[in-house]
Amino acid sequence: MPRMTRRNLMRSAGLAVSAATIASAALAEGTGTEGQTGNVFHVFAFQWKPEATEELKAKAEQSIRAFQGQISGLIETHVGANISPRGKGYTFGGVMRFKDKAALDAYVQHPMHQALLKWLVPLIDAIELDLYA
C-alpha cells in the first residue's frame, strides 16, 4: 500500500468531502433528472479484486487522471484512495465534473474511457453515481 503522506491524506479527505457535499446538495434539492441542465458529477468507487496488483491500481489512477484536458467537457477530475473507515470495501474512488449531461454521455463512449474499461472492468466491482450540480 502506498505511503500515506499529508498531501495524499488531504487530497483523499477533499475527495470524500466533495462527494459528500455533492450528494447532500442533490438530496436537499430533491433534484431529479427530467429537465435538468448544468454541470453533472460522475462519482465512482471500486472494490479491487484479488488479481489487481498495486501496479495496475496505480495505472488505473494515472489513466483516469489523464482524461483531464483530453476529453471535451470534463471540467475537474479528483481520484484516489478512499480513506473513510465507512467505505464498505470500496478502497478507491473519484469525482469528475462535466459541463453537462451531453459531455458525460460523450465521455462514456470516448475511446480513452473505453480503452481503460477494457482492462479495468475485470479487476473491479464498482459503483457509480451521476448527479446534477
N, C-alpha and C. Protein backbone atom coordinates (compact mmCIF):
# COMPACT_ATOMS: atom_id res chain seq x y z
N MET A 1 0.85 -1.19 0.00
CA MET A 1 0.00 0.00 0.00
C MET A 1 0.89 1.24 0.00
N PRO A 2 0.54 2.28 -0.80
CA PRO A 2 1.38 3.47 -0.85
C PRO A 2 1.41 4.17 0.51
N ARG A 3 2.54 4.83 0.74
CA ARG A 3 2.71 5.55 1.99
C ARG A 3 1.73 6.71 2.04
N MET A 4 1.07 6.91 3.18
CA MET A 4 0.09 7.97 3.33
C MET A 4 0.81 9.24 3.77
N THR A 5 1.03 10.14 2.84
CA THR A 5 1.65 11.42 3.15
C THR A 5 0.56 12.43 3.49
N ARG A 6 0.96 13.52 4.07
CA ARG A 6 -0.01 14.56 4.41
C ARG A 6 -0.73 15.04 3.15
N ARG A 7 0.02 15.15 2.05
CA ARG A 7 -0.58 15.59 0.78
C ARG A 7 -1.64 14.60 0.30
N ASN A 8 -1.30 13.29 0.33
CA ASN A 8 -2.27 12.28 -0.09
C ASN A 8 -3.48 12.26 0.84
N LEU A 9 -3.22 12.42 2.13
CA LEU A 9 -4.31 12.44 3.10
C LEU A 9 -5.25 13.61 2.82
N MET A 10 -4.68 14.78 2.56
CA MET A 10 -5.51 15.96 2.30
C MET A 10 -6.28 15.79 0.98
N ARG A 11 -5.64 15.22 -0.03
CA ARG A 11 -6.30 15.00 -1.31
C ARG A 11 -7.48 14.05 -1.13
N SER A 12 -7.25 12.96 -0.42
CA SER A 12 -8.31 11.97 -0.21
C SER A 12 -9.42 12.53 0.65
N ALA A 13 -9.06 13.31 1.66
CA ALA A 13 -10.08 13.94 2.51
C ALA A 13 -10.93 14.90 1.68
N GLY A 14 -10.27 15.64 0.80
CA GLY A 14 -11.01 16.55 -0.08
C GLY A 14 -11.96 15.82 -0.99
N LEU A 15 -11.53 14.67 -1.51
CA LEU A 15 -12.39 13.84 -2.35
C LEU A 15 -13.63 13.40 -1.59
N ALA A 16 -13.42 12.92 -0.36
CA ALA A 16 -14.55 12.45 0.44
C ALA A 16 -15.51 13.59 0.76
N VAL A 17 -14.97 14.74 1.13
CA VAL A 17 -15.81 15.90 1.46
C VAL A 17 -16.57 16.37 0.22
N SER A 18 -15.89 16.41 -0.93
CA SER A 18 -16.56 16.83 -2.17
C SER A 18 -17.71 15.90 -2.52
N ALA A 19 -17.47 14.60 -2.46
CA ALA A 19 -18.51 13.63 -2.79
C ALA A 19 -19.69 13.76 -1.84
N ALA A 20 -19.41 13.90 -0.54
CA ALA A 20 -20.48 14.03 0.45
C ALA A 20 -21.27 15.32 0.24
N THR A 21 -20.58 16.40 -0.07
CA THR A 21 -21.25 17.68 -0.30
C THR A 21 -22.14 17.63 -1.53
N ILE A 22 -21.63 17.04 -2.59
CA ILE A 22 -22.39 16.92 -3.83
C ILE A 22 -23.66 16.10 -3.60
N ALA A 23 -23.51 14.94 -2.97
CA ALA A 23 -24.66 14.07 -2.73
C ALA A 23 -25.66 14.75 -1.82
N SER A 24 -25.18 15.42 -0.78
CA SER A 24 -26.06 16.09 0.17
C SER A 24 -26.85 17.21 -0.51
N ALA A 25 -26.17 17.98 -1.34
CA ALA A 25 -26.84 19.09 -2.03
C ALA A 25 -27.92 18.57 -2.98
N ALA A 26 -27.60 17.50 -3.71
CA ALA A 26 -28.57 16.93 -4.64
C ALA A 26 -29.79 16.40 -3.90
N LEU A 27 -29.57 15.74 -2.77
CA LEU A 27 -30.69 15.22 -1.98
C LEU A 27 -31.53 16.36 -1.40
N ALA A 28 -30.86 17.40 -0.91
CA ALA A 28 -31.58 18.52 -0.30
C ALA A 28 -32.45 19.24 -1.32
N GLU A 29 -31.96 19.33 -2.55
CA GLU A 29 -32.73 20.00 -3.60
C GLU A 29 -33.84 19.12 -4.13
N GLY A 30 -33.75 17.82 -3.88
CA GLY A 30 -34.75 16.90 -4.40
C GLY A 30 -34.74 16.85 -5.91
N THR A 31 -33.55 17.04 -6.48
CA THR A 31 -33.47 17.10 -7.94
C THR A 31 -33.63 15.74 -8.57
N GLY A 32 -34.30 15.73 -9.68
CA GLY A 32 -34.42 14.54 -10.50
C GLY A 32 -33.66 14.77 -11.78
N THR A 33 -33.85 13.91 -12.74
CA THR A 33 -33.10 14.08 -13.98
C THR A 33 -33.92 14.74 -15.08
N GLU A 34 -35.22 14.71 -14.95
CA GLU A 34 -36.06 15.26 -16.01
C GLU A 34 -35.93 16.78 -16.08
N GLY A 35 -35.53 17.27 -17.25
CA GLY A 35 -35.43 18.70 -17.47
C GLY A 35 -34.24 19.37 -16.82
N GLN A 36 -33.32 18.61 -16.25
CA GLN A 36 -32.16 19.20 -15.58
C GLN A 36 -31.13 19.67 -16.61
N THR A 37 -30.44 20.74 -16.26
CA THR A 37 -29.34 21.24 -17.08
C THR A 37 -28.21 21.62 -16.16
N GLY A 38 -27.06 21.91 -16.72
CA GLY A 38 -25.91 22.34 -15.94
C GLY A 38 -24.93 21.21 -15.69
N ASN A 39 -23.98 21.49 -14.81
CA ASN A 39 -22.91 20.54 -14.51
C ASN A 39 -23.45 19.22 -13.99
N VAL A 40 -22.74 18.16 -14.34
CA VAL A 40 -23.06 16.81 -13.88
C VAL A 40 -21.82 16.24 -13.21
N PHE A 41 -22.00 15.63 -12.05
CA PHE A 41 -20.91 14.98 -11.33
C PHE A 41 -21.02 13.47 -11.51
N HIS A 42 -19.91 12.86 -11.87
CA HIS A 42 -19.80 11.41 -12.01
C HIS A 42 -18.97 10.94 -10.82
N VAL A 43 -19.58 10.16 -9.94
CA VAL A 43 -18.93 9.67 -8.72
C VAL A 43 -18.80 8.16 -8.85
N PHE A 44 -17.61 7.63 -8.52
CA PHE A 44 -17.41 6.19 -8.64
C PHE A 44 -16.52 5.69 -7.51
N ALA A 45 -16.69 4.41 -7.19
CA ALA A 45 -15.85 3.76 -6.19
C ALA A 45 -15.62 2.32 -6.61
N PHE A 46 -14.42 1.83 -6.30
CA PHE A 46 -14.02 0.47 -6.69
C PHE A 46 -13.74 -0.39 -5.47
N GLN A 47 -14.14 -1.64 -5.56
CA GLN A 47 -13.62 -2.70 -4.71
C GLN A 47 -12.70 -3.49 -5.63
N TRP A 48 -11.43 -3.56 -5.30
CA TRP A 48 -10.47 -4.27 -6.15
C TRP A 48 -10.59 -5.77 -5.95
N LYS A 49 -10.50 -6.51 -7.02
CA LYS A 49 -10.46 -7.97 -6.95
C LYS A 49 -9.03 -8.39 -6.60
N PRO A 50 -8.86 -9.60 -6.06
CA PRO A 50 -7.53 -10.04 -5.60
C PRO A 50 -6.45 -9.98 -6.68
N GLU A 51 -6.80 -10.17 -7.94
CA GLU A 51 -5.79 -10.16 -9.00
C GLU A 51 -5.31 -8.76 -9.38
N ALA A 52 -5.88 -7.71 -8.80
CA ALA A 52 -5.46 -6.34 -9.08
C ALA A 52 -4.18 -6.04 -8.31
N THR A 53 -3.08 -5.91 -9.02
CA THR A 53 -1.80 -5.62 -8.40
C THR A 53 -1.70 -4.13 -8.06
N GLU A 54 -0.74 -3.78 -7.25
CA GLU A 54 -0.51 -2.36 -6.92
C GLU A 54 -0.16 -1.58 -8.18
N GLU A 55 0.56 -2.21 -9.09
CA GLU A 55 0.93 -1.55 -10.35
C GLU A 55 -0.31 -1.24 -11.19
N LEU A 56 -1.25 -2.19 -11.25
CA LEU A 56 -2.47 -1.96 -12.01
C LEU A 56 -3.35 -0.91 -11.34
N LYS A 57 -3.36 -0.88 -10.02
CA LYS A 57 -4.12 0.15 -9.30
C LYS A 57 -3.55 1.53 -9.62
N ALA A 58 -2.22 1.63 -9.61
CA ALA A 58 -1.57 2.91 -9.93
C ALA A 58 -1.84 3.30 -11.38
N LYS A 59 -1.83 2.31 -12.27
CA LYS A 59 -2.11 2.57 -13.69
C LYS A 59 -3.53 3.09 -13.87
N ALA A 60 -4.49 2.54 -13.11
CA ALA A 60 -5.88 3.00 -13.19
C ALA A 60 -5.97 4.46 -12.77
N GLU A 61 -5.34 4.79 -11.65
CA GLU A 61 -5.38 6.18 -11.18
C GLU A 61 -4.75 7.12 -12.20
N GLN A 62 -3.61 6.75 -12.73
CA GLN A 62 -2.92 7.57 -13.73
C GLN A 62 -3.77 7.72 -14.99
N SER A 63 -4.39 6.64 -15.42
CA SER A 63 -5.22 6.68 -16.63
C SER A 63 -6.43 7.59 -16.45
N ILE A 64 -7.06 7.53 -15.28
CA ILE A 64 -8.23 8.38 -15.01
C ILE A 64 -7.81 9.84 -14.95
N ARG A 65 -6.69 10.11 -14.30
CA ARG A 65 -6.19 11.50 -14.25
C ARG A 65 -5.87 12.02 -15.65
N ALA A 66 -5.41 11.15 -16.54
CA ALA A 66 -5.02 11.55 -17.90
C ALA A 66 -6.21 11.99 -18.75
N PHE A 67 -7.43 11.69 -18.33
CA PHE A 67 -8.61 12.15 -19.07
C PHE A 67 -8.70 13.67 -19.05
N GLN A 68 -8.23 14.28 -17.94
CA GLN A 68 -8.32 15.73 -17.79
C GLN A 68 -7.54 16.41 -18.92
N GLY A 69 -8.18 17.31 -19.63
CA GLY A 69 -7.54 18.01 -20.73
C GLY A 69 -7.62 17.26 -22.05
N GLN A 70 -8.06 16.01 -22.02
CA GLN A 70 -8.15 15.20 -23.23
C GLN A 70 -9.59 14.94 -23.66
N ILE A 71 -10.52 15.03 -22.71
CA ILE A 71 -11.93 14.73 -23.00
C ILE A 71 -12.72 16.02 -22.90
N SER A 72 -13.34 16.39 -23.99
CA SER A 72 -14.11 17.63 -24.06
C SER A 72 -15.25 17.63 -23.05
N GLY A 73 -15.39 18.74 -22.34
CA GLY A 73 -16.48 18.89 -21.37
C GLY A 73 -16.16 18.38 -19.99
N LEU A 74 -15.00 17.75 -19.80
CA LEU A 74 -14.57 17.30 -18.47
C LEU A 74 -13.89 18.47 -17.78
N ILE A 75 -14.51 18.98 -16.72
CA ILE A 75 -14.04 20.19 -16.05
C ILE A 75 -13.05 19.87 -14.94
N GLU A 76 -13.35 18.87 -14.11
CA GLU A 76 -12.49 18.52 -12.98
C GLU A 76 -12.44 17.01 -12.81
N THR A 77 -11.30 16.54 -12.32
CA THR A 77 -11.13 15.12 -12.00
C THR A 77 -10.42 15.01 -10.66
N HIS A 78 -11.03 14.30 -9.73
CA HIS A 78 -10.42 14.01 -8.42
C HIS A 78 -10.50 12.50 -8.23
N VAL A 79 -9.37 11.87 -7.97
CA VAL A 79 -9.34 10.41 -7.87
C VAL A 79 -8.26 9.99 -6.88
N GLY A 80 -8.52 8.91 -6.14
CA GLY A 80 -7.51 8.42 -5.21
C GLY A 80 -8.05 7.38 -4.25
N ALA A 81 -7.20 7.04 -3.29
CA ALA A 81 -7.53 6.04 -2.29
C ALA A 81 -8.64 6.55 -1.38
N ASN A 82 -9.56 5.68 -1.02
CA ASN A 82 -10.63 6.00 -0.08
C ASN A 82 -10.06 5.86 1.33
N ILE A 83 -10.14 6.90 2.12
CA ILE A 83 -9.61 6.85 3.49
C ILE A 83 -10.71 6.74 4.54
N SER A 84 -11.95 6.64 4.09
CA SER A 84 -13.06 6.56 5.03
C SER A 84 -13.11 5.19 5.71
N PRO A 85 -13.31 5.17 7.02
CA PRO A 85 -13.49 3.89 7.70
C PRO A 85 -14.88 3.29 7.42
N ARG A 86 -15.73 4.03 6.73
CA ARG A 86 -17.08 3.57 6.41
C ARG A 86 -17.19 3.18 4.94
N GLY A 87 -16.08 2.83 4.32
CA GLY A 87 -16.02 2.58 2.88
C GLY A 87 -16.62 1.28 2.40
N LYS A 88 -16.98 0.39 3.32
CA LYS A 88 -17.63 -0.89 2.97
C LYS A 88 -16.89 -1.66 1.87
N GLY A 89 -15.56 -1.62 1.94
CA GLY A 89 -14.75 -2.37 0.97
C GLY A 89 -14.37 -1.60 -0.27
N TYR A 90 -14.93 -0.41 -0.47
CA TYR A 90 -14.57 0.42 -1.61
C TYR A 90 -13.32 1.21 -1.21
N THR A 91 -12.20 0.86 -1.79
CA THR A 91 -10.92 1.41 -1.36
C THR A 91 -10.36 2.47 -2.31
N PHE A 92 -11.06 2.75 -3.38
CA PHE A 92 -10.58 3.69 -4.39
C PHE A 92 -11.79 4.36 -5.02
N GLY A 93 -11.67 5.64 -5.32
CA GLY A 93 -12.81 6.30 -5.93
C GLY A 93 -12.46 7.63 -6.55
N GLY A 94 -13.48 8.26 -7.08
CA GLY A 94 -13.25 9.55 -7.70
C GLY A 94 -14.54 10.32 -7.96
N VAL A 95 -14.32 11.59 -8.25
CA VAL A 95 -15.41 12.50 -8.61
C VAL A 95 -14.94 13.26 -9.84
N MET A 96 -15.79 13.29 -10.86
CA MET A 96 -15.50 14.02 -12.08
C MET A 96 -16.66 14.98 -12.34
N ARG A 97 -16.32 16.21 -12.70
CA ARG A 97 -17.36 17.19 -13.02
C ARG A 97 -17.34 17.45 -14.51
N PHE A 98 -18.53 17.33 -15.12
CA PHE A 98 -18.70 17.55 -16.55
C PHE A 98 -19.54 18.80 -16.78
N LYS A 99 -19.33 19.42 -17.92
CA LYS A 99 -20.06 20.64 -18.31
C LYS A 99 -21.56 20.41 -18.28
N ASP A 100 -21.99 19.26 -18.76
CA ASP A 100 -23.41 18.94 -18.82
C ASP A 100 -23.57 17.44 -19.08
N LYS A 101 -24.79 16.98 -19.15
CA LYS A 101 -25.07 15.56 -19.33
C LYS A 101 -24.56 15.08 -20.68
N ALA A 102 -24.61 15.90 -21.69
CA ALA A 102 -24.11 15.52 -23.02
C ALA A 102 -22.61 15.23 -22.95
N ALA A 103 -21.87 16.03 -22.19
CA ALA A 103 -20.43 15.79 -22.03
C ALA A 103 -20.17 14.48 -21.29
N LEU A 104 -20.97 14.19 -20.26
CA LEU A 104 -20.85 12.91 -19.55
C LEU A 104 -21.14 11.76 -20.50
N ASP A 105 -22.20 11.87 -21.28
CA ASP A 105 -22.56 10.82 -22.23
C ASP A 105 -21.45 10.60 -23.26
N ALA A 106 -20.81 11.69 -23.71
CA ALA A 106 -19.71 11.57 -24.67
C ALA A 106 -18.50 10.89 -24.02
N TYR A 107 -18.24 11.21 -22.76
CA TYR A 107 -17.14 10.57 -22.01
C TYR A 107 -17.33 9.06 -21.94
N VAL A 108 -18.55 8.62 -21.68
CA VAL A 108 -18.82 7.18 -21.55
C VAL A 108 -18.39 6.45 -22.82
N GLN A 109 -18.58 7.05 -23.98
CA GLN A 109 -18.24 6.42 -25.26
C GLN A 109 -16.85 6.79 -25.78
N HIS A 110 -16.17 7.71 -25.10
CA HIS A 110 -14.87 8.19 -25.58
C HIS A 110 -13.87 7.04 -25.68
N PRO A 111 -13.05 7.01 -26.73
CA PRO A 111 -12.08 5.93 -26.91
C PRO A 111 -11.11 5.76 -25.73
N MET A 112 -10.69 6.84 -25.10
CA MET A 112 -9.79 6.71 -23.94
C MET A 112 -10.49 5.97 -22.79
N HIS A 113 -11.74 6.33 -22.54
CA HIS A 113 -12.51 5.69 -21.47
C HIS A 113 -12.77 4.22 -21.82
N GLN A 114 -13.13 3.95 -23.04
CA GLN A 114 -13.39 2.58 -23.46
C GLN A 114 -12.13 1.72 -23.36
N ALA A 115 -10.96 2.28 -23.69
CA ALA A 115 -9.70 1.55 -23.57
C ALA A 115 -9.41 1.22 -22.10
N LEU A 116 -9.68 2.15 -21.21
CA LEU A 116 -9.50 1.90 -19.77
C LEU A 116 -10.42 0.78 -19.30
N LEU A 117 -11.68 0.87 -19.67
CA LEU A 117 -12.65 -0.13 -19.22
C LEU A 117 -12.28 -1.54 -19.67
N LYS A 118 -11.69 -1.64 -20.83
CA LYS A 118 -11.36 -2.95 -21.40
C LYS A 118 -10.49 -3.77 -20.44
N TRP A 119 -9.48 -3.15 -19.83
CA TRP A 119 -8.61 -3.91 -18.92
C TRP A 119 -9.00 -3.74 -17.46
N LEU A 120 -9.70 -2.65 -17.12
CA LEU A 120 -10.02 -2.36 -15.72
C LEU A 120 -11.23 -3.14 -15.20
N VAL A 121 -12.28 -3.25 -15.98
CA VAL A 121 -13.53 -3.87 -15.51
C VAL A 121 -13.32 -5.27 -14.91
N PRO A 122 -12.47 -6.12 -15.49
CA PRO A 122 -12.27 -7.43 -14.87
C PRO A 122 -11.61 -7.39 -13.48
N LEU A 123 -11.04 -6.23 -13.12
CA LEU A 123 -10.30 -6.12 -11.85
C LEU A 123 -11.10 -5.48 -10.72
N ILE A 124 -12.34 -5.05 -11.00
CA ILE A 124 -13.08 -4.27 -10.01
C ILE A 124 -14.54 -4.71 -9.88
N ASP A 125 -15.09 -4.39 -8.73
CA ASP A 125 -16.53 -4.30 -8.53
C ASP A 125 -16.75 -2.83 -8.26
N ALA A 126 -17.57 -2.19 -9.05
CA ALA A 126 -17.68 -0.73 -8.98
C ALA A 126 -19.11 -0.30 -8.69
N ILE A 127 -19.20 0.91 -8.16
CA ILE A 127 -20.47 1.61 -8.02
C ILE A 127 -20.29 2.97 -8.65
N GLU A 128 -21.32 3.45 -9.32
CA GLU A 128 -21.26 4.75 -9.99
C GLU A 128 -22.53 5.53 -9.71
N LEU A 129 -22.37 6.81 -9.55
CA LEU A 129 -23.50 7.74 -9.38
C LEU A 129 -23.27 8.92 -10.29
N ASP A 130 -24.31 9.40 -10.93
CA ASP A 130 -24.24 10.62 -11.74
C ASP A 130 -25.28 11.59 -11.19
N LEU A 131 -24.82 12.79 -10.82
CA LEU A 131 -25.67 13.76 -10.14
C LEU A 131 -25.58 15.12 -10.80
N TYR A 132 -26.70 15.81 -10.90
CA TYR A 132 -26.66 17.20 -11.33
C TYR A 132 -26.18 18.07 -10.18
N ALA A 133 -25.45 19.13 -10.55
CA ALA A 133 -24.93 20.05 -9.53
C ALA A 133 -26.05 20.85 -8.94
